[in-house]
Amino acid sequence: MSPSFDGPTPTAAPTPFVPTPPSDVPARRTYLLVDGENIDATLGMNVLNRRPDPQERPRWDRVTGFAQKLWDQEVVPLFFLNASSGQMPMAFVQALMAMGYKPIPLASSGTEKVVDVGIQRTLDALADREGDVLLASHDGDFLPQIEALLGTDRRVGLLAFREFVNGQFAQLADQGLETFDLEGDADAFTAPLPRVRIIPLDEFDPLRYL
């Protein structure tokens, strides 16, 4: 005869909840460094052949959006400005801050390129910090610092008008440097620019020319 039980069937004691301790490892970030002077000068002198109107300048919120989607991680956007005149374009600075940028207005009483020096120092500092780097500039002055960031698991990109990028950056492609087009990839402009450039076939949109 099978034994019978008068009480309820016993169940296993529940496993106590143990909260997972927070990770001490910070989330990986993309550091976006914008050489605003260089981008604006290239747009004016090389693309438009005149001073850009406000509506023709990049939509910097689109640039940060592109940077975030590019490697699917948080973006730290730094916008470098030349404030050697002792004045800042406050309306523009406030607009940048509203879009989440950290404006970095630099000044010097000497003849050095203050924005270039500021970006070079920041790239040097990033060599000792985890994170990926996206530089918005065409300037070859940053070649040594960019090359120093390559060769590890760090992702490094250049965001610019492809046809006006310093030619020596192309030599770093084999080391892992990625190049992205400010108009075609980042969609940073509200209207097509009057550019004549080599277009990869998979990027060709005939509607732009009809």
Protein backbone atom coordinates (compact mmCIF):
# COMPACT_ATOMS: atom_id res chain seq x y z
CA MET A 1 0.00 0.00 0.00
CA SER A 2 1.26 3.41 -0.90
CA PRO A 3 1.81 5.72 2.01
CA SER A 4 -0.65 8.61 2.38
CA PHE A 5 -0.01 12.14 3.65
CA ASP A 6 -2.52 14.19 5.54
CA GLY A 7 -0.71 17.53 4.99
CA PRO A 8 0.10 19.48 1.86
CA THR A 9 2.77 18.28 -0.51
CA PRO A 10 6.07 19.86 0.52
CA THR A 11 7.74 22.22 -1.94
CA ALA A 12 11.34 23.33 -2.28
CA ALA A 13 12.30 26.50 -0.44
CA PRO A 14 12.42 29.50 -2.84
CA THR A 15 15.86 30.69 -3.90
CA PRO A 16 16.60 33.98 -2.13
CA PHE A 17 16.93 37.02 -4.44
CA VAL A 18 20.45 38.32 -4.62
CA PRO A 19 20.72 41.68 -6.40
CA THR A 20 23.38 41.91 -9.09
CA PRO A 21 26.02 44.40 -8.02
CA PRO A 22 26.43 47.34 -10.41
CA SER A 23 29.24 46.97 -12.90
CA ASP A 24 32.32 49.09 -12.31
CA VAL A 25 33.05 49.06 -16.04
CA PRO A 26 31.64 52.22 -17.69
CA ALA A 27 29.71 51.85 -20.93
CA ARG A 28 31.83 52.34 -24.01
CA ARG A 29 31.50 55.78 -25.60
CA THR A 30 32.11 57.52 -28.88
CA TYR A 31 34.04 60.76 -28.54
CA LEU A 32 32.97 63.11 -31.33
CA LEU A 33 35.48 65.93 -31.89
CA VAL A 34 34.29 68.68 -34.23
CA ASP A 35 36.77 71.05 -35.87
CA GLY A 36 34.07 73.63 -36.56
CA GLU A 37 36.45 76.13 -38.15
CA ASN A 38 37.75 73.61 -40.66
CA ILE A 39 34.33 72.24 -41.59
CA ASP A 40 32.91 75.73 -42.12
CA ALA A 41 35.92 76.90 -44.14
CA THR A 42 35.84 73.83 -46.39
CA LEU A 43 32.11 74.20 -46.93
CA GLY A 44 32.51 77.87 -47.87
CA MET A 45 35.70 77.87 -49.92
CA ASN A 46 35.59 74.46 -51.58
CA VAL A 47 31.92 73.48 -51.85
CA LEU A 48 29.93 76.72 -52.12
CA ASN A 49 32.69 79.15 -53.17
CA ARG A 50 31.17 81.72 -50.84
CA ARG A 51 30.29 82.24 -47.21
CA PRO A 52 27.62 79.69 -46.20
CA ASP A 53 24.21 80.97 -45.23
CA PRO A 54 22.94 79.74 -41.84
CA GLN A 55 20.54 77.26 -43.44
CA GLU A 56 23.36 75.81 -45.54
CA ARG A 57 25.53 74.86 -42.59
CA PRO A 58 25.50 71.35 -41.09
CA ARG A 59 22.69 70.32 -38.77
CA TRP A 60 24.86 69.42 -35.81
CA ASP A 61 22.07 67.46 -34.12
CA ARG A 62 22.06 65.15 -37.15
CA VAL A 63 25.81 64.71 -36.76
CA THR A 64 25.47 63.53 -33.16
CA GLY A 65 22.59 61.29 -34.20
CA PHE A 66 24.79 59.73 -36.86
CA ALA A 67 27.65 59.28 -34.38
CA GLN A 68 25.32 57.50 -31.95
CA LYS A 69 23.94 55.12 -34.59
CA LEU A 70 27.34 54.48 -36.15
CA TRP A 71 28.65 52.29 -33.33
CA ASP A 72 25.42 52.06 -31.29
CA GLN A 73 26.68 53.72 -28.14
CA GLU A 74 26.60 56.94 -26.13
CA VAL A 75 28.25 59.97 -27.71
CA VAL A 76 30.33 62.65 -26.03
CA PRO A 77 30.21 65.55 -28.54
CA LEU A 78 32.94 68.20 -28.24
CA PHE A 79 32.80 71.30 -30.45
CA PHE A 80 36.04 73.32 -30.66
CA LEU A 81 35.85 77.08 -31.28
CA ASN A 82 38.43 79.82 -31.78
CA ALA A 83 37.72 82.54 -29.20
CA SER A 84 41.05 84.37 -29.47
CA SER A 85 39.19 87.59 -30.28
CA GLY A 86 37.85 87.57 -26.73
CA GLN A 87 34.29 87.07 -27.93
CA MET A 88 32.09 84.05 -28.47
CA PRO A 89 29.09 83.61 -30.80
CA MET A 90 26.78 83.17 -27.81
CA ALA A 91 23.65 82.32 -29.81
CA PHE A 92 25.54 79.53 -31.57
CA VAL A 93 27.15 78.32 -28.34
CA GLN A 94 23.77 78.15 -26.62
CA ALA A 95 22.32 76.26 -29.59
CA LEU A 96 25.18 73.75 -29.38
CA MET A 97 24.56 73.24 -25.67
CA ALA A 98 20.86 72.70 -26.31
CA MET A 99 21.83 69.90 -28.70
CA GLY A 100 24.03 68.27 -26.05
CA TYR A 101 27.41 69.50 -27.27
CA LYS A 102 30.19 70.63 -24.97
CA PRO A 103 31.52 73.83 -26.59
CA ILE A 104 35.26 74.32 -26.10
CA PRO A 105 36.13 77.96 -26.89
CA LEU A 106 39.91 78.31 -26.94
CA ALA A 107 42.01 81.46 -26.97
CA SER A 108 45.65 82.33 -27.42
CA SER A 109 47.64 85.51 -27.69
CA GLY A 110 50.19 83.75 -29.88
CA THR A 111 50.13 82.64 -33.51
CA GLU A 112 49.37 78.95 -32.97
CA LYS A 113 46.20 77.40 -34.37
CA VAL A 114 44.30 77.20 -31.11
CA VAL A 115 41.59 74.84 -32.34
CA ASP A 116 44.14 72.47 -33.88
CA VAL A 117 46.23 72.44 -30.70
CA GLY A 118 43.15 71.83 -28.57
CA ILE A 119 42.04 68.89 -30.71
CA GLN A 120 45.56 67.45 -30.83
CA ARG A 121 45.79 67.55 -27.04
CA THR A 122 42.37 65.93 -26.71
CA LEU A 123 43.32 63.13 -29.13
CA ASP A 124 46.52 62.59 -27.13
CA ALA A 125 44.47 62.34 -23.92
CA LEU A 126 42.09 59.83 -25.53
CA ALA A 127 44.99 57.50 -26.25
CA ASP A 128 44.95 56.59 -22.53
CA ARG A 129 41.15 56.31 -22.27
CA GLU A 130 38.70 53.63 -23.39
CA GLY A 131 36.34 54.65 -26.15
CA ASP A 132 36.01 55.16 -29.86
CA VAL A 133 36.81 58.38 -31.71
CA LEU A 134 35.08 60.21 -34.55
CA LEU A 135 36.87 63.35 -35.79
CA ALA A 136 35.02 65.87 -37.97
CA SER A 137 37.78 67.61 -39.94
CA HIS A 138 39.77 67.50 -43.18
CA ASP A 139 42.99 68.73 -41.58
CA GLY A 140 46.18 66.75 -41.96
CA ASP A 141 47.56 68.32 -38.76
CA PHE A 142 45.83 65.51 -36.86
CA LEU A 143 47.46 62.64 -38.75
CA PRO A 144 50.01 61.72 -36.02
CA GLN A 145 47.37 61.69 -33.28
CA ILE A 146 44.88 59.68 -35.35
CA GLU A 147 47.52 57.13 -36.35
CA ALA A 148 48.48 56.71 -32.69
CA LEU A 149 44.89 55.70 -31.86
CA LEU A 150 44.82 52.93 -34.48
CA GLY A 151 46.01 49.34 -34.16
CA THR A 152 43.87 48.25 -31.18
CA ASP A 153 40.20 47.34 -30.75
CA ARG A 154 39.41 51.07 -30.75
CA ARG A 155 37.25 52.24 -33.64
CA VAL A 156 38.44 55.48 -35.23
CA GLY A 157 36.57 57.43 -37.88
CA LEU A 158 36.91 60.60 -39.92
CA LEU A 159 33.78 62.60 -40.82
CA ALA A 160 34.17 65.16 -43.62
CA PHE A 161 33.59 65.90 -47.29
CA ARG A 162 35.46 62.93 -48.75
CA GLU A 163 36.91 64.75 -51.75
CA PHE A 164 38.59 67.40 -49.58
CA VAL A 165 40.11 65.18 -46.88
CA ASN A 166 43.90 65.40 -46.61
CA GLY A 167 45.19 62.66 -48.91
CA GLN A 168 47.46 61.12 -46.28
CA PHE A 169 44.46 59.93 -44.29
CA ALA A 170 43.82 57.37 -47.06
CA GLN A 171 47.10 55.68 -46.09
CA LEU A 172 45.62 54.92 -42.66
CA ALA A 173 42.68 52.93 -44.04
CA ASP A 174 44.70 49.70 -43.90
CA GLN A 175 45.29 50.36 -40.19
CA GLY A 176 41.57 50.62 -39.53
CA LEU A 177 40.64 54.27 -40.10
CA GLU A 178 37.09 54.59 -41.43
CA THR A 179 36.01 57.63 -43.44
CA PHE A 180 32.41 58.87 -43.55
CA ASP A 181 30.88 61.58 -45.70
CA LEU A 182 29.29 64.49 -43.88
CA GLU A 183 26.53 64.79 -46.46
CA GLY A 184 26.07 61.29 -47.83
CA ASP A 185 26.55 59.24 -44.66
CA ALA A 186 25.62 61.64 -41.85
CA ASP A 187 22.82 63.40 -43.79
CA ALA A 188 23.89 66.61 -42.08
CA PHE A 189 22.33 69.01 -44.58
CA THR A 190 18.73 69.92 -45.31
CA ALA A 191 19.31 70.40 -49.06
CA PRO A 192 21.74 68.82 -51.58
CA LEU A 193 25.09 70.59 -51.87
CA PRO A 194 26.57 71.58 -55.26
CA ARG A 195 29.33 68.98 -55.13
CA VAL A 196 31.03 67.15 -57.98
CA ARG A 197 32.48 64.02 -56.43
CA ILE A 198 33.00 60.34 -57.06
CA ILE A 199 29.83 58.59 -55.93
CA PRO A 200 29.91 54.93 -54.87
CA LEU A 201 27.27 53.17 -56.97
CA ASP A 202 25.33 51.92 -53.93
CA GLU A 203 24.98 55.58 -52.78
CA PHE A 204 23.82 56.92 -56.16
CA ASP A 205 20.33 58.46 -56.01
CA PRO A 206 19.23 59.56 -59.51
CA LEU A 207 16.39 61.66 -58.03
CA ARG A 208 18.97 64.18 -56.83
CA TYR A 209 19.82 64.93 -60.47
CA LEU A 210 16.38 64.96 -62.08
